[in-house]
Amino acid sequence: MQYTIHHANKDFKVNTDHAVDITLGINKSENVNCYYLSGPSFSYFESEAFSGNLSKGGSVNCEQMTFYAHASGTHTECALHVADVDFDMRHLDFDPLQIGVLISVSPSPIGPDKVIDLSSLKGLNNPYDAKVLMVRTLPNFESKAVANYSGTNPVYFEPDVLLFIKSLGFEHLICDIPSIDKESDEGKLLAHKHWFLDNGKATVKRSITELAYMPDKLSDGLHAVQMQVPKIQSDAVPSRIIVYPCA
């Protein structure tokens, strides 16, 4: 179907027939993983009076899932991840469709690290006041979907880059890496803090989504973005991100 979004005094045509889901789900096997955290586990409720497992004769499936949102798939986080604030993921509001920009970047080699710095952004601007920035790192291997990043020193953002992105008016950052900060940074988390804090105060308006996967068929440029984020009292929750072409 075709929709029109009026944003920043401009009409954008959105085609929902060509949606691209950039979510890495939480699976019973073959999950992405990072930070040496255990993978997701699944168990069925069992008692003497009731079985919550159809395969064992139960009338329904009743399954318990245990996972770390930060390590088991695409997830969206708020300032509570790095700051003692009085809000959580239940308090973030996401428009049903938002205008977003997708860029592909080649991280810069800095010593043993691969870093997204200002030179990686290649003149990024935001003439249409898009609220979502999606950053796809190159090379874009399909193996990102099942990678174990623990101890690999994966790509991260130079902290000052977050100040630049924020200055362009973006509020929601989506990327395909485990964290916008260096895997081992002595707990500084400067990139997160640059993004979430303004003069030391946190804002509920901004979010970061990590461990998405943006396939090559999704072209750089303007898109409409739907962020499906459950209301759970936590700093981060599994999320589903769907991208639609727009013009």
Protein backbone atom coordinates (compact mmCIF):
# COMPACT_ATOMS: atom_id res chain seq x y z
CA MET A 1 0.00 0.00 0.00
CA GLN A 2 1.03 3.59 -0.56
CA TYR A 3 1.01 6.13 2.26
CA THR A 4 1.96 9.77 2.50
CA ILE A 5 3.87 11.14 5.48
CA HIS A 6 3.93 14.89 5.92
CA HIS A 7 7.16 15.77 7.67
CA ALA A 8 9.27 18.92 7.77
CA ASN A 9 6.92 20.69 5.31
CA LYS A 10 7.39 17.91 2.75
CA ASP A 11 5.26 14.96 1.65
CA PHE A 12 7.03 11.59 1.56
CA LYS A 13 5.53 8.66 -0.37
CA VAL A 14 5.88 5.37 1.51
CA ASN A 15 5.39 1.94 -0.05
CA THR A 16 4.62 -0.67 2.61
CA ASP A 17 4.63 -3.52 0.06
CA HIS A 18 8.43 -3.53 0.07
CA ALA A 19 9.17 -3.70 3.78
CA VAL A 20 12.57 -4.86 4.99
CA ASP A 21 12.80 -6.28 8.51
CA ILE A 22 16.24 -5.45 9.93
CA THR A 23 15.69 -7.34 13.19
CA LEU A 24 17.86 -10.14 14.55
CA GLY A 25 15.40 -12.26 16.50
CA ILE A 26 15.90 -14.28 19.67
CA ASN A 27 16.15 -17.92 18.64
CA LYS A 28 16.53 -21.28 20.34
CA SER A 29 19.82 -21.72 18.49
CA GLU A 30 22.19 -19.71 16.27
CA ASN A 31 21.89 -16.36 17.98
CA VAL A 32 24.17 -13.38 17.81
CA ASN A 33 26.09 -12.99 21.09
CA CYS A 34 28.47 -10.60 22.84
CA TYR A 35 30.05 -9.65 26.16
CA TYR A 36 30.48 -13.29 27.22
CA LEU A 37 26.84 -13.36 28.30
CA SER A 38 24.95 -16.62 28.15
CA GLY A 39 22.58 -17.16 25.26
CA PRO A 40 18.79 -17.29 25.62
CA SER A 41 17.19 -20.27 27.34
CA PHE A 42 13.66 -21.65 27.02
CA SER A 43 11.74 -23.92 29.38
CA TYR A 44 8.15 -25.13 29.66
CA PHE A 45 6.16 -24.86 32.86
CA GLU A 46 5.70 -28.23 34.54
CA SER A 47 3.94 -29.20 37.77
CA GLU A 48 2.18 -32.28 39.12
CA ALA A 49 -1.16 -30.79 38.12
CA PHE A 50 -0.31 -29.14 34.81
CA SER A 51 2.03 -29.45 31.87
CA GLY A 52 2.66 -26.40 29.74
CA ASN A 53 4.18 -28.47 26.93
CA LEU A 54 2.06 -29.76 24.07
CA SER A 55 4.71 -32.31 23.12
CA LYS A 56 4.35 -33.88 26.58
CA GLY A 57 0.57 -34.02 26.55
CA GLY A 58 -0.16 -30.55 27.86
CA SER A 59 -3.24 -28.68 26.68
CA VAL A 60 -1.21 -25.56 25.83
CA ASN A 61 2.37 -24.41 25.53
CA CYS A 62 3.44 -22.18 28.42
CA GLU A 63 7.07 -21.27 27.92
CA GLN A 64 9.49 -19.24 30.00
CA MET A 65 12.24 -17.33 28.21
CA THR A 66 15.42 -16.03 29.82
CA PHE A 67 17.79 -13.79 27.91
CA TYR A 68 19.99 -10.72 28.08
CA ALA A 69 18.44 -8.07 25.85
CA HIS A 70 21.86 -6.47 25.28
CA ALA A 71 23.42 -9.67 23.94
CA SER A 72 20.78 -11.85 22.28
CA GLY A 73 19.49 -9.93 19.27
CA THR A 74 18.26 -6.56 18.10
CA HIS A 75 17.45 -4.39 21.10
CA THR A 76 16.58 -0.78 21.85
CA GLU A 77 17.83 1.03 24.93
CA CYS A 78 17.23 4.30 26.74
CA ALA A 79 19.28 6.54 29.01
CA LEU A 80 18.66 4.23 31.97
CA HIS A 81 21.37 2.01 30.48
CA VAL A 82 24.07 4.45 31.61
CA ALA A 83 22.37 6.97 33.92
CA ASP A 84 20.31 6.90 37.10
CA VAL A 85 17.09 8.33 35.68
CA ASP A 86 13.45 8.18 36.69
CA PHE A 87 12.22 6.64 33.42
CA ASP A 88 12.64 3.38 31.53
CA MET A 89 11.68 1.84 28.20
CA ARG A 90 7.98 2.06 29.06
CA HIS A 91 8.18 5.84 28.82
CA LEU A 92 9.65 6.20 25.33
CA ASP A 93 7.21 7.14 22.58
CA PHE A 94 7.84 6.19 18.96
CA ASP A 95 5.79 7.56 16.07
CA PRO A 96 4.20 4.77 13.97
CA LEU A 97 6.34 5.79 10.99
CA GLN A 98 9.36 8.04 11.15
CA ILE A 99 11.58 9.42 8.43
CA GLY A 100 15.03 7.89 8.63
CA VAL A 101 18.36 7.98 6.83
CA LEU A 102 20.48 4.91 6.11
CA ILE A 103 24.21 5.33 5.55
CA SER A 104 26.90 2.73 4.95
CA VAL A 105 30.23 3.46 6.59
CA SER A 106 33.74 2.07 6.38
CA PRO A 107 35.27 2.26 9.87
CA SER A 108 38.70 3.84 10.15
CA PRO A 109 41.61 1.69 11.37
CA ILE A 110 43.08 3.28 14.50
CA GLY A 111 45.77 1.06 15.95
CA PRO A 112 44.17 -2.35 16.60
CA ASP A 113 40.67 -0.82 16.49
CA LYS A 114 38.12 -0.15 13.78
CA VAL A 115 36.33 3.08 14.62
CA ILE A 116 33.42 5.04 13.17
CA ASP A 117 34.87 8.56 13.25
CA LEU A 118 33.84 11.79 11.57
CA SER A 119 35.69 10.86 8.38
CA SER A 120 33.57 7.68 8.18
CA LEU A 121 30.37 9.71 7.90
CA LYS A 122 31.38 11.30 4.58
CA GLY A 123 29.53 14.61 4.85
CA LEU A 124 26.41 13.34 6.59
CA ASN A 125 23.70 15.98 6.84
CA ASN A 126 19.99 16.02 7.59
CA PRO A 127 18.13 18.42 5.28
CA TYR A 128 14.73 16.79 5.90
CA ASP A 129 14.98 16.75 9.71
CA ALA A 130 14.86 12.94 9.85
CA LYS A 131 14.65 11.54 13.38
CA VAL A 132 16.22 8.12 12.73
CA LEU A 133 19.78 7.44 11.61
CA MET A 134 20.66 3.89 10.56
CA VAL A 135 24.36 3.08 10.31
CA ARG A 136 25.44 -0.01 8.37
CA THR A 137 29.09 -1.00 8.74
CA LEU A 138 31.13 -2.34 5.83
CA PRO A 139 31.88 -5.03 4.90
CA ASN A 140 28.33 -6.19 5.44
CA PHE A 141 28.74 -9.94 5.95
CA GLU A 142 25.59 -12.01 6.47
CA SER A 143 27.46 -13.74 9.30
CA LYS A 144 26.73 -10.68 11.45
CA ALA A 145 23.39 -12.33 12.18
CA VAL A 146 25.01 -15.17 14.16
CA ALA A 147 28.37 -13.67 15.15
CA ASN A 148 29.89 -14.17 18.58
CA TYR A 149 31.50 -10.80 19.25
CA SER A 150 32.86 -11.61 22.71
CA GLY A 151 36.54 -10.71 22.96
CA THR A 152 36.79 -9.60 19.32
CA ASN A 153 37.06 -5.82 19.90
CA PRO A 154 34.28 -5.06 17.39
CA VAL A 155 33.68 -1.76 15.59
CA TYR A 156 32.59 1.15 17.77
CA PHE A 157 31.90 4.90 17.51
CA GLU A 158 34.36 7.60 18.43
CA PRO A 159 32.45 9.37 21.25
CA ASP A 160 32.52 12.84 19.66
CA VAL A 161 30.71 11.44 16.61
CA LEU A 162 27.60 11.08 18.77
CA LEU A 163 27.65 14.79 19.53
CA PHE A 164 27.78 15.51 15.79
CA ILE A 165 24.92 13.13 14.98
CA LYS A 166 22.86 14.65 17.79
CA SER A 167 23.56 18.16 16.50
CA LEU A 168 21.94 17.20 13.18
CA GLY A 169 18.63 16.55 14.92
CA PHE A 170 18.58 12.75 14.98
CA GLU A 171 16.90 11.19 18.03
CA HIS A 172 17.06 7.47 17.33
CA LEU A 173 20.30 5.73 16.33
CA ILE A 174 20.18 2.24 14.82
CA CYS A 175 23.37 0.29 14.15
CA ASP A 176 24.55 -3.25 13.41
CA ILE A 177 27.27 -3.49 16.05
CA PRO A 178 27.07 -4.83 19.64
CA SER A 179 27.64 -1.42 21.21
CA ILE A 180 28.36 2.11 20.12
CA ASP A 181 31.18 2.06 22.69
CA LYS A 182 34.41 0.07 22.69
CA GLU A 183 33.99 -3.46 24.04
CA SER A 184 36.42 -2.81 26.89
CA ASP A 185 36.65 0.88 27.79
CA GLU A 186 37.05 0.73 31.59
CA GLY A 187 33.34 1.45 32.01
CA LYS A 188 33.50 4.96 30.58
CA LEU A 189 30.73 4.49 27.98
CA LEU A 190 31.40 7.97 26.64
CA ALA A 191 29.57 7.46 23.35
CA HIS A 192 26.39 6.42 25.17
CA LYS A 193 26.69 9.34 27.57
CA HIS A 194 27.34 11.84 24.76
CA TRP A 195 24.16 10.62 23.08
CA PHE A 196 21.82 10.39 26.06
CA LEU A 197 22.98 13.30 28.21
CA ASP A 198 22.71 17.05 27.61
CA ASN A 199 24.76 19.02 30.12
CA GLY A 200 24.64 16.02 32.42
CA LYS A 201 20.86 15.61 32.20
CA ALA A 202 19.20 12.70 30.44
CA THR A 203 16.40 13.00 27.92
CA VAL A 204 13.63 10.48 27.36
CA LYS A 205 13.45 11.39 23.67
CA ARG A 206 16.49 9.47 22.47
CA SER A 207 17.14 5.79 21.90
CA ILE A 208 19.89 3.52 20.64
CA THR A 209 19.20 0.28 18.79
CA GLU A 210 22.11 -2.16 18.47
CA LEU A 211 22.62 -5.51 16.74
CA ALA A 212 20.29 -4.78 13.84
CA TYR A 213 21.18 -6.19 10.41
CA MET A 214 20.64 -4.08 7.30
CA PRO A 215 20.91 -6.31 4.20
CA ASP A 216 22.54 -5.08 1.02
CA LYS A 217 19.17 -4.93 -0.76
CA LEU A 218 18.34 -1.95 1.46
CA SER A 219 19.79 1.09 -0.29
CA ASP A 220 21.39 4.07 1.38
CA GLY A 221 19.19 7.14 1.62
CA LEU A 222 15.76 8.10 2.93
CA HIS A 223 13.36 5.50 4.32
CA ALA A 224 10.35 5.30 6.59
CA VAL A 225 11.10 3.43 9.80
CA GLN A 226 8.75 1.62 12.14
CA MET A 227 10.18 0.89 15.58
CA GLN A 228 8.18 -1.74 17.47
CA VAL A 229 9.29 -1.56 21.09
CA PRO A 230 7.49 -3.33 23.96
CA LYS A 231 6.76 -1.49 27.18
CA ILE A 232 8.90 -3.37 29.70
CA GLN A 233 10.32 -1.82 32.86
CA SER A 234 13.97 -2.05 31.92
CA ASP A 235 16.82 -0.07 30.36
CA ALA A 236 16.71 -2.16 27.17
CA VAL A 237 14.20 -4.42 25.44
CA PRO A 238 14.16 -6.67 22.37
CA SER A 239 12.76 -4.69 19.47
CA ARG A 240 11.61 -5.12 15.90
CA ILE A 241 12.62 -2.56 13.29
CA ILE A 242 10.95 -2.46 9.87
CA VAL A 243 12.15 -0.21 7.08
CA TYR A 244 10.06 0.96 4.11
CA PRO A 245 11.27 2.71 0.96
CA CYS A 246 10.10 6.26 0.57
CA ALA A 247 10.59 9.13 -1.81
